[in-house]
């Protein structure tokens, strides 16, 4: 069962359904163990070098506000100029959490086990509204590791800004 982070539950469901479809289509999906992640990103237009990026959370959930502060460091470490407000580029993001049921034995399902953590990002030009880049990452992990997992996913996605990355798996520390 998904934990909504914004009032637009339909949009959230659509985004998470996209993650689920991408995950289910991957050859490793049936072998995914707790601690396994997936990432993909698309460069739609070149990202102007040196243009300051202003990150924005698409909802004001406390976890997203915390991630917003961490995104400044992630951008700087990835070599992207950061500006708290008024940057030429807007980096929008939202998060989602979904319980992943596990079949224990002959149809008995346990919904307390793994959780899928997801972050969706888009990079847009403020002046024109043109989408330059989009990226998504999800990770299966323990429910009590939310902050740690989201921090690491955020850094992985920040490193991908401006690049096209085919669907690939990753592990977190």
N, C-alpha and C. Protein backbone atom coordinates (compact mmCIF):
# COMPACT_ATOMS: atom_id res chain seq x y z
N UNK A 1 0.84 -1.17 0.00
CA UNK A 1 0.00 0.00 0.00
C UNK A 1 0.88 1.23 0.00
N UNK A 2 0.60 2.16 -0.85
CA UNK A 2 1.42 3.35 -0.98
C UNK A 2 1.09 4.34 0.12
N UNK A 3 2.10 5.08 0.57
CA UNK A 3 1.90 6.16 1.51
C UNK A 3 1.93 7.45 0.72
N UNK A 4 0.77 8.11 0.52
CA UNK A 4 0.77 9.31 -0.31
C UNK A 4 1.50 10.45 0.36
N UNK A 5 2.18 11.24 -0.43
CA UNK A 5 2.94 12.38 0.07
C UNK A 5 2.36 13.69 -0.42
N UNK A 6 1.29 13.65 -1.16
CA UNK A 6 0.70 14.87 -1.67
C UNK A 6 -0.77 14.62 -1.92
N UNK A 7 -1.52 15.66 -2.08
CA UNK A 7 -2.96 15.53 -2.25
C UNK A 7 -3.33 14.91 -3.59
N UNK A 8 -2.49 14.98 -4.58
CA UNK A 8 -2.79 14.44 -5.89
C UNK A 8 -2.43 12.95 -5.93
N UNK A 9 -3.28 12.14 -5.29
CA UNK A 9 -3.00 10.71 -5.17
C UNK A 9 -2.95 10.02 -6.53
N UNK A 10 -3.74 10.48 -7.49
CA UNK A 10 -3.75 9.88 -8.82
C UNK A 10 -2.41 10.03 -9.51
N UNK A 11 -1.82 11.21 -9.41
CA UNK A 11 -0.51 11.44 -10.04
C UNK A 11 0.54 10.57 -9.38
N UNK A 12 0.48 10.47 -8.06
CA UNK A 12 1.43 9.64 -7.31
C UNK A 12 1.29 8.19 -7.76
N UNK A 13 0.06 7.72 -7.87
CA UNK A 13 -0.16 6.34 -8.27
C UNK A 13 0.40 6.09 -9.67
N UNK A 14 0.22 7.05 -10.57
CA UNK A 14 0.72 6.92 -11.93
C UNK A 14 2.25 6.85 -11.94
N UNK A 15 2.91 7.71 -11.16
CA UNK A 15 4.37 7.70 -11.11
C UNK A 15 4.88 6.38 -10.54
N UNK A 16 4.27 5.93 -9.45
CA UNK A 16 4.72 4.69 -8.84
C UNK A 16 4.39 3.49 -9.71
N UNK A 17 3.28 3.57 -10.47
CA UNK A 17 2.96 2.49 -11.39
C UNK A 17 4.03 2.39 -12.47
N UNK A 18 4.55 3.54 -12.91
CA UNK A 18 5.64 3.54 -13.88
C UNK A 18 6.88 2.86 -13.33
N UNK A 19 7.20 3.13 -12.05
CA UNK A 19 8.32 2.45 -11.42
C UNK A 19 8.07 0.95 -11.37
N UNK A 20 6.85 0.58 -10.99
CA UNK A 20 6.52 -0.84 -10.89
C UNK A 20 6.64 -1.53 -12.24
N UNK A 21 6.16 -0.86 -13.30
CA UNK A 21 6.25 -1.45 -14.63
C UNK A 21 7.70 -1.61 -15.07
N UNK A 22 8.51 -0.59 -14.83
CA UNK A 22 9.93 -0.66 -15.20
C UNK A 22 10.62 -1.76 -14.40
N UNK A 23 10.28 -1.86 -13.13
CA UNK A 23 10.88 -2.87 -12.27
C UNK A 23 10.48 -4.27 -12.72
N UNK A 24 9.19 -4.46 -12.98
CA UNK A 24 8.70 -5.78 -13.37
C UNK A 24 9.25 -6.22 -14.72
N UNK A 25 9.54 -5.26 -15.61
CA UNK A 25 10.03 -5.58 -16.94
C UNK A 25 11.51 -5.95 -16.95
N UNK A 26 12.21 -5.64 -15.89
CA UNK A 26 13.65 -5.91 -15.88
C UNK A 26 13.92 -7.39 -15.63
N UNK A 27 14.98 -7.94 -16.24
CA UNK A 27 15.29 -9.36 -16.06
C UNK A 27 15.62 -9.70 -14.61
N UNK A 28 16.16 -8.73 -13.87
CA UNK A 28 16.57 -9.01 -12.50
C UNK A 28 15.43 -8.83 -11.51
N UNK A 29 14.25 -8.40 -11.97
CA UNK A 29 13.15 -8.11 -11.06
C UNK A 29 12.79 -9.31 -10.20
N UNK A 30 12.78 -10.48 -10.79
CA UNK A 30 12.39 -11.66 -10.02
C UNK A 30 13.48 -12.05 -9.03
N UNK A 31 14.69 -11.56 -9.21
CA UNK A 31 15.79 -11.88 -8.33
C UNK A 31 16.10 -10.76 -7.36
N UNK A 32 15.31 -9.67 -7.41
CA UNK A 32 15.60 -8.52 -6.57
C UNK A 32 15.52 -8.89 -5.10
N UNK A 33 16.54 -8.54 -4.38
CA UNK A 33 16.59 -8.79 -2.95
C UNK A 33 16.47 -7.45 -2.23
N UNK A 34 16.16 -7.47 -0.93
CA UNK A 34 16.15 -6.19 -0.22
C UNK A 34 17.49 -5.49 -0.44
N UNK A 35 17.45 -4.21 -0.67
CA UNK A 35 18.69 -3.49 -0.91
C UNK A 35 19.04 -3.39 -2.37
N UNK A 36 18.10 -3.59 -3.26
CA UNK A 36 18.36 -3.53 -4.70
C UNK A 36 17.64 -2.33 -5.28
N UNK A 37 18.33 -1.57 -6.14
CA UNK A 37 17.72 -0.37 -6.70
C UNK A 37 17.74 -0.35 -8.21
N UNK A 38 16.93 0.55 -8.77
CA UNK A 38 16.89 0.76 -10.22
C UNK A 38 16.91 2.24 -10.51
N UNK A 39 17.56 2.60 -11.61
CA UNK A 39 17.71 3.99 -12.01
C UNK A 39 17.57 4.09 -13.51
N UNK A 40 16.94 5.15 -13.97
CA UNK A 40 17.00 5.50 -15.38
C UNK A 40 16.80 7.00 -15.50
N UNK A 41 17.38 7.60 -16.54
CA UNK A 41 17.31 9.04 -16.74
C UNK A 41 17.33 9.35 -18.23
N UNK A 42 16.75 10.49 -18.59
CA UNK A 42 16.69 10.91 -20.00
C UNK A 42 17.09 12.37 -20.13
N UNK A 43 18.02 12.62 -21.01
CA UNK A 43 18.39 13.98 -21.36
C UNK A 43 17.55 14.37 -22.57
N UNK A 44 16.70 15.38 -22.40
CA UNK A 44 15.81 15.82 -23.47
C UNK A 44 16.44 16.95 -24.29
N UNK A 45 17.23 17.78 -23.63
CA UNK A 45 17.96 18.89 -24.25
C UNK A 45 19.24 19.09 -23.46
N UNK A 46 20.28 19.67 -24.05
CA UNK A 46 21.51 19.90 -23.30
C UNK A 46 21.28 20.83 -22.10
N UNK A 47 21.94 20.50 -21.00
CA UNK A 47 21.88 21.34 -19.81
C UNK A 47 22.96 22.41 -19.94
N UNK A 48 22.58 23.71 -19.90
CA UNK A 48 23.57 24.77 -20.05
C UNK A 48 24.60 24.72 -18.92
N UNK A 49 25.88 24.68 -19.29
CA UNK A 49 26.94 24.66 -18.30
C UNK A 49 26.98 25.96 -17.52
N UNK A 50 27.15 25.84 -16.21
CA UNK A 50 27.26 27.02 -15.36
C UNK A 50 25.94 27.66 -14.97
N UNK A 51 24.83 27.17 -15.49
CA UNK A 51 23.52 27.74 -15.13
C UNK A 51 23.14 27.26 -13.73
N UNK A 52 22.83 28.20 -12.83
CA UNK A 52 22.50 27.80 -11.46
C UNK A 52 21.17 27.03 -11.40
N UNK A 53 21.17 26.01 -10.54
CA UNK A 53 20.00 25.14 -10.36
C UNK A 53 19.36 25.44 -9.01
N UNK A 54 18.05 25.64 -9.04
CA UNK A 54 17.27 25.83 -7.81
C UNK A 54 16.39 24.60 -7.60
N UNK A 55 16.65 23.82 -6.55
CA UNK A 55 15.83 22.64 -6.30
C UNK A 55 14.49 23.03 -5.66
N UNK A 56 13.45 22.25 -6.00
CA UNK A 56 12.11 22.47 -5.42
C UNK A 56 11.46 21.12 -5.16
N UNK A 57 10.97 20.97 -3.94
CA UNK A 57 10.17 19.79 -3.61
C UNK A 57 8.75 20.06 -4.08
N UNK A 58 8.10 19.07 -4.70
CA UNK A 58 6.76 19.27 -5.22
C UNK A 58 5.68 19.15 -4.15
N UNK A 59 6.06 18.80 -2.93
CA UNK A 59 5.14 18.87 -1.81
C UNK A 59 5.94 19.19 -0.55
N UNK A 60 5.27 19.56 0.50
CA UNK A 60 5.99 20.02 1.69
C UNK A 60 6.03 18.98 2.81
N UNK A 61 6.05 17.73 2.45
CA UNK A 61 6.22 16.66 3.44
C UNK A 61 7.55 16.89 4.16
N UNK A 62 7.61 16.65 5.47
CA UNK A 62 8.86 16.89 6.21
C UNK A 62 10.09 16.21 5.62
N UNK A 63 9.93 14.98 5.11
CA UNK A 63 11.08 14.28 4.51
C UNK A 63 11.56 15.02 3.27
N UNK A 64 10.65 15.56 2.48
CA UNK A 64 11.04 16.31 1.29
C UNK A 64 11.73 17.62 1.65
N UNK A 65 11.29 18.27 2.70
CA UNK A 65 11.97 19.51 3.15
C UNK A 65 13.40 19.18 3.59
N UNK A 66 13.56 18.05 4.28
CA UNK A 66 14.90 17.63 4.70
C UNK A 66 15.77 17.32 3.48
N UNK A 67 15.20 16.61 2.51
CA UNK A 67 15.94 16.28 1.29
C UNK A 67 16.31 17.53 0.50
N UNK A 68 15.45 18.52 0.53
CA UNK A 68 15.72 19.78 -0.18
C UNK A 68 17.03 20.40 0.32
N UNK A 69 17.24 20.35 1.62
CA UNK A 69 18.50 20.88 2.18
C UNK A 69 19.70 20.04 1.73
N UNK A 70 19.53 18.72 1.68
CA UNK A 70 20.62 17.84 1.26
C UNK A 70 20.91 17.92 -0.23
N UNK A 71 19.93 18.34 -1.00
CA UNK A 71 20.12 18.43 -2.45
C UNK A 71 21.13 19.51 -2.82
N UNK A 72 21.22 20.56 -2.02
CA UNK A 72 22.22 21.61 -2.28
C UNK A 72 23.63 21.00 -2.28
N UNK A 73 23.92 20.19 -1.29
CA UNK A 73 25.24 19.54 -1.21
C UNK A 73 25.43 18.55 -2.34
N UNK A 74 24.39 17.78 -2.65
CA UNK A 74 24.49 16.79 -3.73
C UNK A 74 24.77 17.46 -5.06
N UNK A 75 24.12 18.60 -5.32
CA UNK A 75 24.36 19.33 -6.57
C UNK A 75 25.80 19.83 -6.64
N UNK A 76 26.26 20.43 -5.55
CA UNK A 76 27.64 20.95 -5.53
C UNK A 76 28.65 19.83 -5.74
N UNK A 77 28.45 18.70 -5.06
CA UNK A 77 29.38 17.58 -5.19
C UNK A 77 29.37 16.99 -6.60
N UNK A 78 28.26 17.15 -7.31
CA UNK A 78 28.16 16.66 -8.69
C UNK A 78 28.64 17.68 -9.70
N UNK A 79 29.09 18.84 -9.23
CA UNK A 79 29.62 19.87 -10.12
C UNK A 79 28.58 20.78 -10.73
N UNK A 80 27.38 20.81 -10.17
CA UNK A 80 26.32 21.69 -10.67
C UNK A 80 26.19 22.91 -9.77
N UNK A 81 26.13 24.11 -10.35
CA UNK A 81 25.97 25.31 -9.53
C UNK A 81 24.59 25.32 -8.86
N UNK A 82 24.57 25.67 -7.59
CA UNK A 82 23.35 25.68 -6.80
C UNK A 82 22.97 27.13 -6.46
N UNK A 83 21.69 27.40 -6.49
CA UNK A 83 21.17 28.69 -6.01
C UNK A 83 19.86 28.39 -5.28
N UNK A 84 19.72 28.89 -4.07
CA UNK A 84 18.54 28.62 -3.25
C UNK A 84 17.26 29.11 -3.91
N UNK A 85 17.30 30.25 -4.56
CA UNK A 85 16.12 30.82 -5.23
C UNK A 85 16.55 31.52 -6.51
N UNK A 86 15.67 31.51 -7.49
CA UNK A 86 15.91 32.29 -8.70
C UNK A 86 16.94 31.76 -9.66
N UNK A 87 17.25 30.46 -9.61
CA UNK A 87 18.19 29.90 -10.56
C UNK A 87 17.57 29.82 -11.95
N UNK A 88 18.42 29.76 -12.96
CA UNK A 88 17.94 29.66 -14.34
C UNK A 88 17.26 28.32 -14.60
N UNK A 89 17.61 27.31 -13.80
CA UNK A 89 17.04 25.97 -13.95
C UNK A 89 16.35 25.55 -12.66
N UNK A 90 15.22 24.87 -12.79
CA UNK A 90 14.48 24.37 -11.64
C UNK A 90 14.58 22.85 -11.61
N UNK A 91 15.06 22.32 -10.51
CA UNK A 91 15.14 20.87 -10.31
C UNK A 91 14.00 20.47 -9.38
N UNK A 92 12.93 19.94 -9.97
CA UNK A 92 11.75 19.52 -9.21
C UNK A 92 11.90 18.06 -8.82
N UNK A 93 11.46 17.73 -7.60
CA UNK A 93 11.50 16.32 -7.20
C UNK A 93 10.33 16.00 -6.29
N UNK A 94 10.00 14.72 -6.29
CA UNK A 94 9.02 14.20 -5.34
C UNK A 94 9.42 12.79 -4.96
N UNK A 95 8.92 12.37 -3.81
CA UNK A 95 9.27 11.07 -3.28
C UNK A 95 8.01 10.22 -3.12
N UNK A 96 8.21 8.93 -3.04
CA UNK A 96 7.11 8.02 -2.79
C UNK A 96 7.61 6.80 -2.04
N UNK A 97 6.73 6.23 -1.25
CA UNK A 97 7.03 5.02 -0.50
C UNK A 97 5.89 4.04 -0.73
N UNK A 98 6.26 2.80 -1.04
CA UNK A 98 5.25 1.79 -1.30
C UNK A 98 5.67 0.48 -0.65
N UNK A 99 4.77 -0.12 0.09
CA UNK A 99 5.04 -1.44 0.67
C UNK A 99 5.07 -2.46 -0.45
N UNK A 100 6.01 -3.40 -0.38
CA UNK A 100 6.14 -4.44 -1.39
C UNK A 100 5.82 -5.77 -0.72
N UNK A 101 4.64 -6.31 -1.00
CA UNK A 101 4.26 -7.58 -0.37
C UNK A 101 5.19 -8.71 -0.80
N UNK A 102 5.44 -9.62 0.10
CA UNK A 102 6.26 -10.78 -0.18
C UNK A 102 5.42 -12.03 0.05
N UNK A 103 5.54 -12.99 -0.84
CA UNK A 103 4.84 -14.26 -0.65
C UNK A 103 5.72 -15.14 0.22
N UNK A 104 5.19 -15.49 1.38
CA UNK A 104 5.96 -16.30 2.32
C UNK A 104 5.82 -17.79 2.00
N UNK A 105 4.62 -18.24 1.77
CA UNK A 105 4.37 -19.63 1.42
C UNK A 105 2.96 -19.75 0.85
N UNK A 106 2.79 -20.51 -0.17
CA UNK A 106 1.51 -20.81 -0.80
C UNK A 106 0.43 -19.75 -0.59
N UNK A 107 0.66 -18.58 -1.15
CA UNK A 107 -0.35 -17.54 -1.13
C UNK A 107 -0.40 -16.67 0.11
N UNK A 108 0.39 -16.98 1.13
CA UNK A 108 0.43 -16.14 2.33
C UNK A 108 1.35 -14.96 2.04
N UNK A 109 0.80 -13.75 2.14
CA UNK A 109 1.58 -12.56 1.80
C UNK A 109 1.87 -11.75 3.06
N UNK A 110 3.08 -11.24 3.13
CA UNK A 110 3.52 -10.41 4.25
C UNK A 110 3.77 -9.01 3.72
N UNK A 111 3.04 -8.02 4.21
CA UNK A 111 3.22 -6.64 3.74
C UNK A 111 4.11 -5.83 4.69
N UNK A 112 4.71 -6.48 5.67
CA UNK A 112 5.55 -5.75 6.63
C UNK A 112 7.02 -5.72 6.23
N UNK A 113 7.40 -6.47 5.23
CA UNK A 113 8.80 -6.62 4.86
C UNK A 113 9.40 -5.42 4.16
N UNK A 114 9.69 -5.58 2.90
CA UNK A 114 10.40 -4.56 2.14
C UNK A 114 9.51 -3.37 1.79
N UNK A 115 10.17 -2.27 1.51
CA UNK A 115 9.50 -1.04 1.09
C UNK A 115 10.24 -0.52 -0.13
N UNK A 116 9.49 -0.02 -1.12
CA UNK A 116 10.11 0.60 -2.29
C UNK A 116 10.11 2.10 -2.07
N UNK A 117 11.30 2.68 -2.05
CA UNK A 117 11.49 4.12 -1.93
C UNK A 117 11.76 4.65 -3.33
N UNK A 118 11.09 5.72 -3.72
CA UNK A 118 11.25 6.24 -5.08
C UNK A 118 11.41 7.75 -5.06
N UNK A 119 12.26 8.24 -5.96
CA UNK A 119 12.41 9.68 -6.19
C UNK A 119 12.31 9.92 -7.70
N UNK A 120 11.52 10.90 -8.07
CA UNK A 120 11.38 11.33 -9.46
C UNK A 120 11.87 12.77 -9.52
N UNK A 121 12.74 13.08 -10.48
CA UNK A 121 13.28 14.43 -10.66
C UNK A 121 13.08 14.89 -12.09
N UNK A 122 12.88 16.19 -12.25
CA UNK A 122 12.87 16.83 -13.57
C UNK A 122 13.65 18.12 -13.48
N UNK A 123 14.36 18.45 -14.54
CA UNK A 123 15.12 19.70 -14.62
C UNK A 123 14.53 20.51 -15.77
N UNK A 124 14.04 21.71 -15.45
CA UNK A 124 13.38 22.56 -16.42
C UNK A 124 14.02 23.94 -16.47
N UNK A 125 14.02 24.56 -17.65
CA UNK A 125 14.42 25.96 -17.77
C UNK A 125 13.31 26.82 -17.19
N UNK A 126 13.66 27.72 -16.30
CA UNK A 126 12.64 28.57 -15.70
C UNK A 126 12.00 29.50 -16.72
N UNK A 127 12.78 30.11 -17.59
CA UNK A 127 12.26 31.12 -18.52
C UNK A 127 11.29 30.52 -19.54
N UNK A 128 11.64 29.38 -20.10
CA UNK A 128 10.82 28.79 -21.17
C UNK A 128 9.92 27.66 -20.70
N UNK A 129 10.23 27.07 -19.55
CA UNK A 129 9.48 25.91 -19.07
C UNK A 129 9.88 24.62 -19.77
N UNK A 130 10.89 24.69 -20.63
CA UNK A 130 11.32 23.52 -21.40
C UNK A 130 11.98 22.49 -20.48
N UNK A 131 11.57 21.23 -20.62
CA UNK A 131 12.15 20.13 -19.85
C UNK A 131 13.49 19.76 -20.46
N UNK A 132 14.55 19.79 -19.65
CA UNK A 132 15.89 19.45 -20.12
C UNK A 132 16.27 18.01 -19.79
N UNK A 133 15.81 17.55 -18.63
CA UNK A 133 16.24 16.24 -18.14
C UNK A 133 15.18 15.69 -17.19
N UNK A 134 15.09 14.37 -17.13
CA UNK A 134 14.24 13.72 -16.12
C UNK A 134 14.91 12.43 -15.67
N UNK A 135 14.72 12.09 -14.44
CA UNK A 135 15.32 10.88 -13.89
C UNK A 135 14.47 10.30 -12.78
N UNK A 136 14.58 8.99 -12.63
CA UNK A 136 13.83 8.26 -11.61
C UNK A 136 14.73 7.20 -11.00
N UNK A 137 14.58 7.01 -9.72
CA UNK A 137 15.30 5.93 -9.04
C UNK A 137 14.40 5.35 -7.96
N UNK A 138 14.48 4.04 -7.79
CA UNK A 138 13.75 3.38 -6.72
C UNK A 138 14.68 2.37 -6.07
N UNK A 139 14.36 2.03 -4.84
CA UNK A 139 15.21 1.14 -4.08
C UNK A 139 14.36 0.33 -3.11
N UNK A 140 14.59 -0.98 -3.05
CA UNK A 140 13.90 -1.84 -2.10
C UNK A 140 14.75 -1.95 -0.85
N UNK A 141 14.17 -1.62 0.29
CA UNK A 141 14.93 -1.67 1.52
C UNK A 141 14.03 -1.84 2.73
N UNK A 142 14.64 -1.74 3.88
CA UNK A 142 13.91 -1.88 5.14
C UNK A 142 13.17 -0.57 5.45
N UNK A 143 11.95 -0.67 5.99
CA UNK A 143 11.16 0.53 6.24
C UNK A 143 11.81 1.50 7.23
N UNK A 144 12.66 1.03 8.11
CA UNK A 144 13.26 1.91 9.11
C UNK A 144 14.50 2.64 8.59
N UNK A 145 14.85 2.48 7.31
CA UNK A 145 16.02 3.13 6.73
C UNK A 145 15.65 4.28 5.80
N UNK A 146 14.46 4.87 5.95
CA UNK A 146 13.93 5.87 5.02
C UNK A 146 14.91 7.02 4.76
N UNK A 147 15.39 7.67 5.80
CA UNK A 147 16.26 8.85 5.62
C UNK A 147 17.56 8.47 4.91
N UNK A 148 18.19 7.40 5.34
CA UNK A 148 19.46 6.97 4.74
C UNK A 148 19.28 6.62 3.27
N UNK A 149 18.23 5.88 2.96
CA UNK A 149 18.01 5.45 1.58
C UNK A 149 17.70 6.65 0.69
N UNK A 150 16.79 7.53 1.12
CA UNK A 150 16.47 8.71 0.32
C UNK A 150 17.70 9.59 0.11
N UNK A 151 18.54 9.76 1.12
CA UNK A 151 19.77 10.56 0.96
C UNK A 151 20.67 9.99 -0.13
N UNK A 152 20.84 8.68 -0.13
CA UNK A 152 21.72 8.05 -1.10
C UNK A 152 21.13 8.07 -2.51
N UNK A 153 19.82 7.83 -2.63
CA UNK A 153 19.18 7.90 -3.94
C UNK A 153 19.30 9.31 -4.51
N UNK A 154 19.11 10.30 -3.65
CA UNK A 154 19.21 11.70 -4.07
C UNK A 154 20.58 12.00 -4.67
N UNK A 155 21.62 11.54 -4.04
CA UNK A 155 22.99 11.76 -4.55
C UNK A 155 23.23 11.03 -5.88
N UNK A 156 22.70 9.83 -5.99
CA UNK A 156 22.84 9.08 -7.25
C UNK A 156 22.16 9.83 -8.39
N UNK A 157 20.95 10.31 -8.16
CA UNK A 157 20.23 11.05 -9.21
C UNK A 157 20.92 12.37 -9.54
N UNK A 158 21.45 13.06 -8.53
CA UNK A 158 22.16 14.33 -8.78
C UNK A 158 23.36 14.09 -9.70
N UNK A 159 24.02 12.96 -9.55
CA UNK A 159 25.16 12.63 -10.42
C UNK A 159 24.74 12.38 -11.86
N UNK A 160 23.48 12.02 -12.08
CA UNK A 160 22.99 11.70 -13.43
C UNK A 160 22.41 12.90 -14.18
N UNK A 161 22.29 14.05 -13.53
CA UNK A 161 21.66 15.22 -14.16
C UNK A 161 22.35 15.54 -15.48
N UNK A 162 21.54 15.65 -16.53
CA UNK A 162 22.04 15.96 -17.86
C UNK A 162 22.40 14.75 -18.70
N UNK A 163 22.38 13.57 -18.11
CA UNK A 163 22.77 12.36 -18.83
C UNK A 163 21.55 11.49 -19.15
N UNK A 164 21.68 10.71 -20.20
CA UNK A 164 20.71 9.66 -20.47
C UNK A 164 21.31 8.36 -19.95
N UNK A 165 20.55 7.69 -19.11
CA UNK A 165 21.02 6.45 -18.50
C UNK A 165 19.95 5.39 -18.71
N UNK A 166 20.33 4.31 -19.40
CA UNK A 166 19.40 3.19 -19.57
C UNK A 166 19.12 2.58 -18.21
N UNK A 167 17.99 1.92 -18.10
CA UNK A 167 17.61 1.28 -16.86
C UNK A 167 18.75 0.39 -16.38
N UNK A 168 19.18 0.66 -15.16
CA UNK A 168 20.27 -0.13 -14.57
C UNK A 168 20.03 -0.30 -13.08
N UNK A 169 20.61 -1.32 -12.53
CA UNK A 169 20.51 -1.57 -11.12
C UNK A 169 21.64 -0.91 -10.35
N UNK A 170 21.44 -0.74 -9.06
CA UNK A 170 22.49 -0.21 -8.20
C UNK A 170 22.27 -0.73 -6.79
N UNK A 171 23.33 -0.71 -6.01
CA UNK A 171 23.28 -1.06 -4.59
C UNK A 171 23.66 0.15 -3.77
N UNK A 172 23.17 0.22 -2.57
CA UNK A 172 23.53 1.29 -1.65
C UNK A 172 24.42 0.72 -0.55
N UNK A 173 25.14 1.59 0.08
CA UNK A 173 26.04 1.17 1.17
C UNK A 173 25.27 0.91 2.43
